[in-house]
C-alpha atoms as a PDB file:
ATOM      1  CA  MET A   1       0.201   0.153   0.178  1.00  0.00           C
ATOM      2  CA  PRO A   2       1.328   3.478  -1.126  1.00  0.00           C
ATOM      3  CA  ASP A   3       2.342   5.714   1.508  1.00  0.00           C
ATOM      4  CA  ALA A   4       1.343   9.620   1.971  1.00  0.00           C
ATOM      5  CA  LEU A   5       3.134  10.687  -1.034  1.00  0.00           C
ATOM      6  CA  GLY A   6       3.149   7.794  -3.129  1.00  0.00           C
ATOM      7  CA  ALA A   7       5.915   5.316  -2.344  1.00  0.00           C
ATOM      8  CA  ASN A   8       5.693   2.085  -1.196  1.00  0.00           C
ATOM      9  CA  GLY A   9       8.426  -0.310   1.028  1.00  0.00           C
ATOM     10  CA  ASN A  10      10.966   0.331   3.406  1.00  0.00           C
ATOM     11  CA  GLY A  11      14.964   0.301   3.758  1.00  0.00           C
ATOM     12  CA  GLN A  12      16.054  -1.182   0.684  1.00  0.00           C
ATOM     13  CA  TYR A  13      12.763  -2.121  -0.311  1.00  0.00           C
ATOM     14  CA  TRP A  14      11.460   1.616  -0.642  1.00  0.00           C
ATOM     15  CA  TYR A  15      10.279   1.934  -4.103  1.00  0.00           C
ATOM     16  CA  THR A  16       8.234   4.869  -6.288  1.00  0.00           C
ATOM     17  CA  ASP A  17       6.172   5.134  -9.227  1.00  0.00           C
ATOM     18  CA  PRO A  18       7.798   7.992 -12.085  1.00  0.00           C
ATOM     19  CA  ASN A  19       4.379   9.792 -10.499  1.00  0.00           C
ATOM     20  CA  SER A  20       3.983   9.513  -7.637  1.00  0.00           C
ATOM     21  CA  ALA A  21       3.932  12.716  -5.400  1.00  0.00           C
ATOM     22  CA  ILE A  22       6.555  12.541  -3.486  1.00  0.00           C
ATOM     23  CA  THR A  23       8.714  13.064  -7.231  1.00  0.00           C
ATOM     24  CA  ASP A  24       7.665  17.123  -6.499  1.00  0.00           C
ATOM     25  CA  HIS A  25       9.465  17.370  -2.876  1.00  0.00           C
ATOM     26  CA  PRO A  26      12.188  19.419  -2.610  1.00  0.00           C
ATOM     27  CA  ILE A  27      14.358  16.775  -0.976  1.00  0.00           C
ATOM     28  CA  TYR A  28      13.296  14.013  -3.521  1.00  0.00           C
ATOM     29  CA  GLN A  29      14.452  16.287  -6.029  1.00  0.00           C
ATOM     30  CA  THR A  30      17.429  17.434  -4.693  1.00  0.00           C
ATOM     31  CA  TYR A  31      18.834  13.700  -4.560  1.00  0.00           C
ATOM     32  CA  SER A  32      16.949  12.355  -8.098  1.00  0.00           C
ATOM     33  CA  VAL A  33      19.286  14.302 -10.192  1.00  0.00           C
ATOM     34  CA  GLN A  34      22.217  13.314  -8.953  1.00  0.00           C
ATOM     35  CA  ALA A  35      24.653  10.436  -8.882  1.00  0.00           C
ATOM     36  CA  ILE A  36      24.405   7.882  -6.168  1.00  0.00           C
ATOM     37  CA  GLY A  37      27.886   7.951  -5.523  1.00  0.00           C
ATOM     38  CA  ALA A  38      28.390  11.674  -5.389  1.00  0.00           C
ATOM     39  CA  ILE A  39      25.834  12.214  -3.037  1.00  0.00           C
ATOM     40  CA  ASP A  40      27.506  12.876  -0.285  1.00  0.00           C
ATOM     41  CA  MET A  41      26.877  10.681   3.188  1.00  0.00           C
ATOM     42  CA  ASN A  42      27.120  13.809   5.162  1.00  0.00           C
ATOM     43  CA  THR A  43      24.159  15.815   4.072  1.00  0.00           C
ATOM     44  CA  ILE A  44      22.432  12.285   3.844  1.00  0.00           C
ATOM     45  CA  THR A  45      22.194  12.443   7.539  1.00  0.00           C
ATOM     46  CA  THR A  46      21.779  15.782   7.397  1.00  0.00           C
ATOM     47  CA  ASP A  47      18.610  16.289   6.423  1.00  0.00           C
ATOM     48  CA  LEU A  48      17.055  12.928   8.127  1.00  0.00           C
ATOM     49  CA  ASN A  49      18.511  14.472  11.459  1.00  0.00           C
ATOM     50  CA  ALA A  50      16.263  17.148  10.435  1.00  0.00           C
ATOM     51  CA  MET A  51      12.926  14.901  10.185  1.00  0.00           C
ATOM     52  CA  VAL A  52      10.575  15.227  12.810  1.00  0.00           C
ATOM     53  CA  GLY A  53       9.235  12.340  13.267  1.00  0.00           C
ATOM     54  CA  SER A  54       5.623  12.545  11.456  1.00  0.00           C
ATOM     55  CA  ALA A  55       3.402  10.906   9.543  1.00  0.00           C
ATOM     56  CA  GLU A  56       4.206  13.567   7.335  1.00  0.00           C
ATOM     57  CA  SER A  57       7.420  13.237   7.601  1.00  0.00           C
ATOM     58  CA  SER A  58       7.742   9.177   6.682  1.00  0.00           C
ATOM     59  CA  PRO A  59       7.708   9.077   3.251  1.00  0.00           C
ATOM     60  CA  ILE A  60      10.577  11.512   2.753  1.00  0.00           C
ATOM     61  CA  VAL A  61      12.225   9.726   5.899  1.00  0.00           C
ATOM     62  CA  ASN A  62      11.622   6.096   4.243  1.00  0.00           C
ATOM     63  CA  TYR A  63      13.472   7.611   0.935  1.00  0.00           C
ATOM     64  CA  LEU A  64      16.451   9.070   2.508  1.00  0.00           C
ATOM     65  CA  TRP A  65      17.327   5.942   4.269  1.00  0.00           C
ATOM     66  CA  TRP A  66      16.990   3.545   0.373  1.00  0.00           C
ATOM     67  CA  LEU A  67      19.689   6.097  -0.267  1.00  0.00           C
ATOM     68  CA  ILE A  68      21.644   5.875   2.992  1.00  0.00           C
ATOM     69  CA  GLN A  69      21.646   1.908   2.156  1.00  0.00           C
ATOM     70  CA  VAL A  70      22.004   2.209  -1.225  1.00  0.00           C
ATOM     71  CA  LYS A  71      25.578   3.784  -0.724  1.00  0.00           C
ATOM     72  CA  LYS A  72      26.400   1.355   1.881  1.00  0.00           C
ATOM     73  CA  GLU A  73      26.032  -1.426  -0.418  1.00  0.00           C
ATOM     74  CA  ALA A  74      27.920   0.963  -2.804  1.00  0.00           C
ATOM     75  CA  ALA A  75      30.656   1.089  -0.463  1.00  0.00           C
END
C-alpha cells in the first residue's frame, strides 16, 4: 500500500512510481538528479536528522533511509 506521497516499502525495499507525489518533494528532487555515488553521506544524514518523526515526514524519511542503504551497499 502506498504511503501519503505514493511511495512503497521501507529501507532497501523502498520504491515509487515516477508519477507519485513524492517526486515533487524538494528533498526528493535534490537527490534524484545526482548520481548516487556523488551524493555526500553527511548531507543525507543532515537532512534525515532534520526530519520530525511524523506521519507526514515518513515518506521522505523512508526515501532518505533508502539512499543511505544504497550508498552503504555500493561502498
